[in-house]
Amino acid sequence: MDFAFEDKALRHVCESHARACKALGEDAAVALHARLADLEASDNILELNWLPVVIEEDMVSIEFFPTHRLIVGPNEAKPPKLSSGAVDWTKVSRVILKRIEAI
């Protein structure tokens, strides 16, 4: 799966172990980078069914550490939709990493 970043600050935390450690702590930084690798290796969000993933209509939250989660959304001009109007996550192959939230 391809992903982009909502802003440069998030990109720096996600791409730099040192910055992730400073922002999140060592253990959470390691967990974040493991989840990003899982995300990159998957074809769609639903393949991550072994992770604590909460799917909402147009956002997904992925818990990567007991105290943190990653919020992602579709990164497509017109994301595929289900008849209910919710995003069809089985067909989304590009996501945008929106933010990291403390739980």
N, C-alpha and C. Protein backbone atom coordinates (compact mmCIF):
# COMPACT_ATOMS: atom_id res chain seq x y z
N MET A 1 0.85 -1.16 0.00
CA MET A 1 0.00 0.00 0.00
C MET A 1 0.90 1.23 0.00
N ASP A 2 0.48 2.21 -0.76
CA ASP A 2 1.20 3.48 -0.79
C ASP A 2 0.61 4.41 0.25
N PHE A 3 1.46 5.22 0.87
CA PHE A 3 0.94 6.21 1.80
C PHE A 3 1.68 7.53 1.70
N ALA A 4 0.95 8.56 2.04
CA ALA A 4 1.47 9.92 2.08
C ALA A 4 1.28 10.43 3.51
N PHE A 5 1.77 11.63 3.76
CA PHE A 5 1.71 12.20 5.10
C PHE A 5 0.93 13.50 5.06
N GLU A 6 0.15 13.75 6.10
CA GLU A 6 -0.65 14.97 6.21
C GLU A 6 0.25 16.21 6.26
N ASP A 7 1.38 16.09 6.93
CA ASP A 7 2.28 17.25 7.03
C ASP A 7 3.72 16.77 7.24
N LYS A 8 4.65 17.72 7.15
CA LYS A 8 6.07 17.40 7.26
C LYS A 8 6.45 16.90 8.64
N ALA A 9 5.83 17.45 9.67
CA ALA A 9 6.16 17.02 11.03
C ALA A 9 5.85 15.53 11.21
N LEU A 10 4.70 15.09 10.73
CA LEU A 10 4.34 13.67 10.81
C LEU A 10 5.29 12.83 9.97
N ARG A 11 5.63 13.31 8.79
CA ARG A 11 6.59 12.60 7.94
C ARG A 11 7.91 12.39 8.67
N HIS A 12 8.40 13.44 9.33
CA HIS A 12 9.67 13.34 10.04
C HIS A 12 9.61 12.31 11.16
N VAL A 13 8.52 12.30 11.91
CA VAL A 13 8.39 11.32 12.99
C VAL A 13 8.32 9.90 12.42
N CYS A 14 7.60 9.74 11.33
CA CYS A 14 7.43 8.40 10.75
C CYS A 14 8.67 7.91 10.03
N GLU A 15 9.49 8.80 9.52
CA GLU A 15 10.65 8.39 8.74
C GLU A 15 11.96 8.41 9.52
N SER A 16 11.98 9.00 10.69
CA SER A 16 13.21 9.10 11.48
C SER A 16 13.02 8.42 12.83
N HIS A 17 13.83 7.39 13.07
CA HIS A 17 13.74 6.69 14.35
C HIS A 17 14.07 7.64 15.50
N ALA A 18 15.07 8.47 15.32
CA ALA A 18 15.45 9.40 16.38
C ALA A 18 14.33 10.37 16.71
N ARG A 19 13.66 10.91 15.69
CA ARG A 19 12.55 11.84 15.94
C ARG A 19 11.35 11.13 16.55
N ALA A 20 11.11 9.89 16.10
CA ALA A 20 10.01 9.12 16.68
C ALA A 20 10.29 8.83 18.16
N CYS A 21 11.53 8.48 18.48
CA CYS A 21 11.89 8.23 19.88
C CYS A 21 11.69 9.47 20.72
N LYS A 22 12.10 10.61 20.20
CA LYS A 22 11.95 11.86 20.95
C LYS A 22 10.48 12.19 21.17
N ALA A 23 9.65 11.97 20.15
CA ALA A 23 8.23 12.32 20.23
C ALA A 23 7.40 11.29 21.01
N LEU A 24 7.76 10.00 20.89
CA LEU A 24 6.89 8.94 21.41
C LEU A 24 7.53 8.06 22.47
N GLY A 25 8.84 8.08 22.55
CA GLY A 25 9.55 7.13 23.40
C GLY A 25 10.04 5.96 22.57
N GLU A 26 11.07 5.30 23.03
CA GLU A 26 11.73 4.23 22.28
C GLU A 26 10.78 3.09 21.89
N ASP A 27 10.04 2.56 22.86
CA ASP A 27 9.18 1.41 22.57
C ASP A 27 8.07 1.75 21.58
N ALA A 28 7.45 2.90 21.76
CA ALA A 28 6.38 3.30 20.83
C ALA A 28 6.95 3.58 19.44
N ALA A 29 8.15 4.14 19.37
CA ALA A 29 8.78 4.41 18.07
C ALA A 29 9.04 3.11 17.31
N VAL A 30 9.53 2.12 18.01
CA VAL A 30 9.77 0.81 17.38
C VAL A 30 8.45 0.23 16.88
N ALA A 31 7.41 0.32 17.70
CA ALA A 31 6.09 -0.20 17.31
C ALA A 31 5.53 0.57 16.12
N LEU A 32 5.70 1.89 16.10
CA LEU A 32 5.23 2.70 14.97
C LEU A 32 5.89 2.25 13.68
N HIS A 33 7.18 2.09 13.69
CA HIS A 33 7.88 1.70 12.46
C HIS A 33 7.51 0.29 12.02
N ALA A 34 7.21 -0.59 12.97
CA ALA A 34 6.74 -1.93 12.60
C ALA A 34 5.38 -1.86 11.92
N ARG A 35 4.47 -1.03 12.46
CA ARG A 35 3.14 -0.90 11.86
C ARG A 35 3.21 -0.24 10.49
N LEU A 36 4.09 0.74 10.33
CA LEU A 36 4.26 1.37 9.02
C LEU A 36 4.76 0.36 7.99
N ALA A 37 5.65 -0.53 8.41
CA ALA A 37 6.12 -1.59 7.51
C ALA A 37 4.98 -2.54 7.15
N ASP A 38 4.14 -2.87 8.13
CA ASP A 38 2.97 -3.72 7.87
C ASP A 38 2.04 -3.04 6.86
N LEU A 39 1.81 -1.76 7.07
CA LEU A 39 0.92 -0.99 6.19
C LEU A 39 1.47 -0.95 4.77
N GLU A 40 2.76 -0.71 4.66
CA GLU A 40 3.39 -0.64 3.34
C GLU A 40 3.34 -1.98 2.62
N ALA A 41 3.45 -3.07 3.37
CA ALA A 41 3.45 -4.41 2.76
C ALA A 41 2.06 -4.91 2.38
N SER A 42 1.02 -4.28 2.92
CA SER A 42 -0.34 -4.76 2.65
C SER A 42 -0.89 -4.14 1.36
N ASP A 43 -1.90 -4.80 0.82
CA ASP A 43 -2.60 -4.28 -0.36
C ASP A 43 -3.74 -3.35 0.03
N ASN A 44 -4.32 -3.60 1.20
CA ASN A 44 -5.39 -2.73 1.70
C ASN A 44 -5.48 -2.86 3.22
N ILE A 45 -6.19 -1.93 3.83
CA ILE A 45 -6.30 -1.86 5.29
C ILE A 45 -6.86 -3.14 5.89
N LEU A 46 -7.81 -3.77 5.21
CA LEU A 46 -8.45 -4.94 5.77
C LEU A 46 -7.52 -6.14 5.89
N GLU A 47 -6.38 -6.10 5.21
CA GLU A 47 -5.39 -7.16 5.38
C GLU A 47 -4.72 -7.10 6.75
N LEU A 48 -4.88 -5.99 7.44
CA LEU A 48 -4.28 -5.82 8.76
C LEU A 48 -5.23 -6.30 9.86
N ASN A 49 -6.02 -7.34 9.55
CA ASN A 49 -7.06 -7.79 10.48
C ASN A 49 -6.51 -8.36 11.79
N TRP A 50 -5.25 -8.62 11.88
CA TRP A 50 -4.66 -9.11 13.12
C TRP A 50 -4.23 -7.97 14.03
N LEU A 51 -4.32 -6.73 13.55
CA LEU A 51 -4.00 -5.55 14.35
C LEU A 51 -5.27 -4.96 14.94
N PRO A 52 -5.14 -4.21 16.03
CA PRO A 52 -6.30 -3.47 16.55
C PRO A 52 -6.64 -2.31 15.60
N VAL A 53 -7.55 -2.55 14.68
CA VAL A 53 -7.93 -1.56 13.68
C VAL A 53 -9.40 -1.23 13.87
N VAL A 54 -9.72 0.06 13.93
CA VAL A 54 -11.11 0.49 14.02
C VAL A 54 -11.43 1.22 12.72
N ILE A 55 -12.42 0.70 12.01
CA ILE A 55 -12.79 1.28 10.72
C ILE A 55 -14.03 2.14 10.91
N GLU A 56 -13.93 3.37 10.49
CA GLU A 56 -15.06 4.28 10.50
C GLU A 56 -15.43 4.58 9.05
N GLU A 57 -16.40 5.44 8.86
CA GLU A 57 -16.88 5.71 7.51
C GLU A 57 -15.77 6.17 6.56
N ASP A 58 -14.93 7.12 6.99
CA ASP A 58 -13.91 7.63 6.10
C ASP A 58 -12.52 7.73 6.74
N MET A 59 -12.35 7.10 7.88
CA MET A 59 -11.06 7.09 8.58
C MET A 59 -10.85 5.72 9.21
N VAL A 60 -9.59 5.40 9.44
CA VAL A 60 -9.24 4.17 10.13
C VAL A 60 -8.24 4.52 11.21
N SER A 61 -8.41 3.95 12.38
CA SER A 61 -7.41 4.13 13.43
C SER A 61 -6.73 2.79 13.67
N ILE A 62 -5.40 2.82 13.68
CA ILE A 62 -4.60 1.62 13.85
C ILE A 62 -3.80 1.78 15.14
N GLU A 63 -4.11 0.99 16.12
CA GLU A 63 -3.34 1.04 17.37
C GLU A 63 -1.98 0.41 17.11
N PHE A 64 -0.92 1.16 17.37
CA PHE A 64 0.41 0.60 17.16
C PHE A 64 1.16 0.40 18.47
N PHE A 65 0.63 0.91 19.55
CA PHE A 65 1.22 0.78 20.88
C PHE A 65 0.08 0.98 21.87
N PRO A 66 0.13 0.43 23.05
CA PRO A 66 -1.00 0.58 23.97
C PRO A 66 -1.39 2.03 24.26
N THR A 67 -0.49 2.96 24.02
CA THR A 67 -0.78 4.36 24.32
C THR A 67 -0.93 5.25 23.09
N HIS A 68 -0.81 4.66 21.89
CA HIS A 68 -0.85 5.48 20.67
C HIS A 68 -1.56 4.76 19.53
N ARG A 69 -2.16 5.56 18.67
CA ARG A 69 -2.77 5.03 17.44
C ARG A 69 -2.49 5.98 16.29
N LEU A 70 -2.52 5.42 15.10
CA LEU A 70 -2.30 6.15 13.87
C LEU A 70 -3.63 6.31 13.16
N ILE A 71 -3.96 7.54 12.77
CA ILE A 71 -5.21 7.80 12.05
C ILE A 71 -4.89 7.97 10.58
N VAL A 72 -5.57 7.19 9.73
CA VAL A 72 -5.35 7.25 8.29
C VAL A 72 -6.67 7.45 7.56
N GLY A 73 -6.58 8.00 6.38
CA GLY A 73 -7.74 8.18 5.52
C GLY A 73 -7.37 7.80 4.09
N PRO A 74 -8.34 7.69 3.22
CA PRO A 74 -8.03 7.37 1.82
C PRO A 74 -7.33 8.56 1.18
N ASN A 75 -6.38 8.28 0.33
CA ASN A 75 -5.65 9.35 -0.37
C ASN A 75 -5.97 9.26 -1.86
N GLU A 76 -7.23 9.40 -2.15
CA GLU A 76 -7.71 9.34 -3.52
C GLU A 76 -8.74 10.46 -3.70
N ALA A 77 -8.74 11.08 -4.87
CA ALA A 77 -9.67 12.18 -5.12
C ALA A 77 -11.12 11.73 -4.92
N LYS A 78 -11.45 10.57 -5.41
CA LYS A 78 -12.78 10.00 -5.23
C LYS A 78 -12.62 8.58 -4.71
N PRO A 79 -12.53 8.42 -3.39
CA PRO A 79 -12.35 7.07 -2.86
C PRO A 79 -13.53 6.17 -3.20
N PRO A 80 -13.26 4.89 -3.42
CA PRO A 80 -14.35 3.95 -3.69
C PRO A 80 -15.30 3.87 -2.50
N LYS A 81 -16.58 3.82 -2.79
CA LYS A 81 -17.59 3.83 -1.72
C LYS A 81 -18.47 2.58 -1.78
N LEU A 82 -18.95 2.22 -0.62
CA LEU A 82 -19.96 1.16 -0.51
C LEU A 82 -21.33 1.79 -0.73
N SER A 83 -22.35 0.99 -0.88
CA SER A 83 -23.70 1.53 -1.06
C SER A 83 -24.15 2.35 0.15
N SER A 84 -23.56 2.09 1.30
CA SER A 84 -23.89 2.84 2.52
C SER A 84 -23.28 4.23 2.53
N GLY A 85 -22.35 4.48 1.60
CA GLY A 85 -21.66 5.76 1.57
C GLY A 85 -20.31 5.73 2.25
N ALA A 86 -20.02 4.66 2.98
CA ALA A 86 -18.73 4.52 3.65
C ALA A 86 -17.66 4.15 2.62
N VAL A 87 -16.42 4.44 2.93
CA VAL A 87 -15.31 4.08 2.06
C VAL A 87 -15.22 2.56 1.96
N ASP A 88 -15.00 2.07 0.76
CA ASP A 88 -14.77 0.64 0.54
C ASP A 88 -13.28 0.39 0.71
N TRP A 89 -12.86 0.07 1.93
CA TRP A 89 -11.45 -0.06 2.25
C TRP A 89 -10.78 -1.21 1.53
N THR A 90 -11.54 -2.17 1.00
CA THR A 90 -10.94 -3.27 0.25
C THR A 90 -10.36 -2.79 -1.07
N LYS A 91 -10.81 -1.63 -1.54
CA LYS A 91 -10.36 -1.10 -2.84
C LYS A 91 -9.44 0.11 -2.72
N VAL A 92 -9.14 0.51 -1.50
CA VAL A 92 -8.25 1.66 -1.29
C VAL A 92 -6.81 1.17 -1.21
N SER A 93 -5.97 1.65 -2.12
CA SER A 93 -4.56 1.23 -2.12
C SER A 93 -3.61 2.37 -1.79
N ARG A 94 -4.16 3.57 -1.64
CA ARG A 94 -3.36 4.74 -1.24
C ARG A 94 -4.02 5.41 -0.06
N VAL A 95 -3.26 5.57 1.01
CA VAL A 95 -3.80 6.22 2.20
C VAL A 95 -2.93 7.41 2.58
N ILE A 96 -3.53 8.31 3.35
CA ILE A 96 -2.78 9.42 3.90
C ILE A 96 -2.74 9.26 5.41
N LEU A 97 -1.55 9.35 5.96
CA LEU A 97 -1.39 9.27 7.41
C LEU A 97 -1.72 10.66 7.95
N LYS A 98 -2.80 10.74 8.71
CA LYS A 98 -3.32 12.03 9.18
C LYS A 98 -2.64 12.53 10.44
N ARG A 99 -2.53 11.64 11.43
CA ARG A 99 -1.95 12.06 12.71
C ARG A 99 -1.72 10.85 13.60
N ILE A 100 -0.94 11.09 14.63
CA ILE A 100 -0.73 10.12 15.70
C ILE A 100 -1.46 10.67 16.92
N GLU A 101 -2.27 9.83 17.54
CA GLU A 101 -3.03 10.26 18.71
C GLU A 101 -2.63 9.43 19.93
N ALA A 102 -2.62 10.08 21.06
CA ALA A 102 -2.45 9.37 22.32
C ALA A 102 -3.80 8.74 22.68
N ILE A 103 -3.76 7.58 23.23
CA ILE A 103 -5.00 6.89 23.62
C ILE A 103 -5.25 7.13 25.09
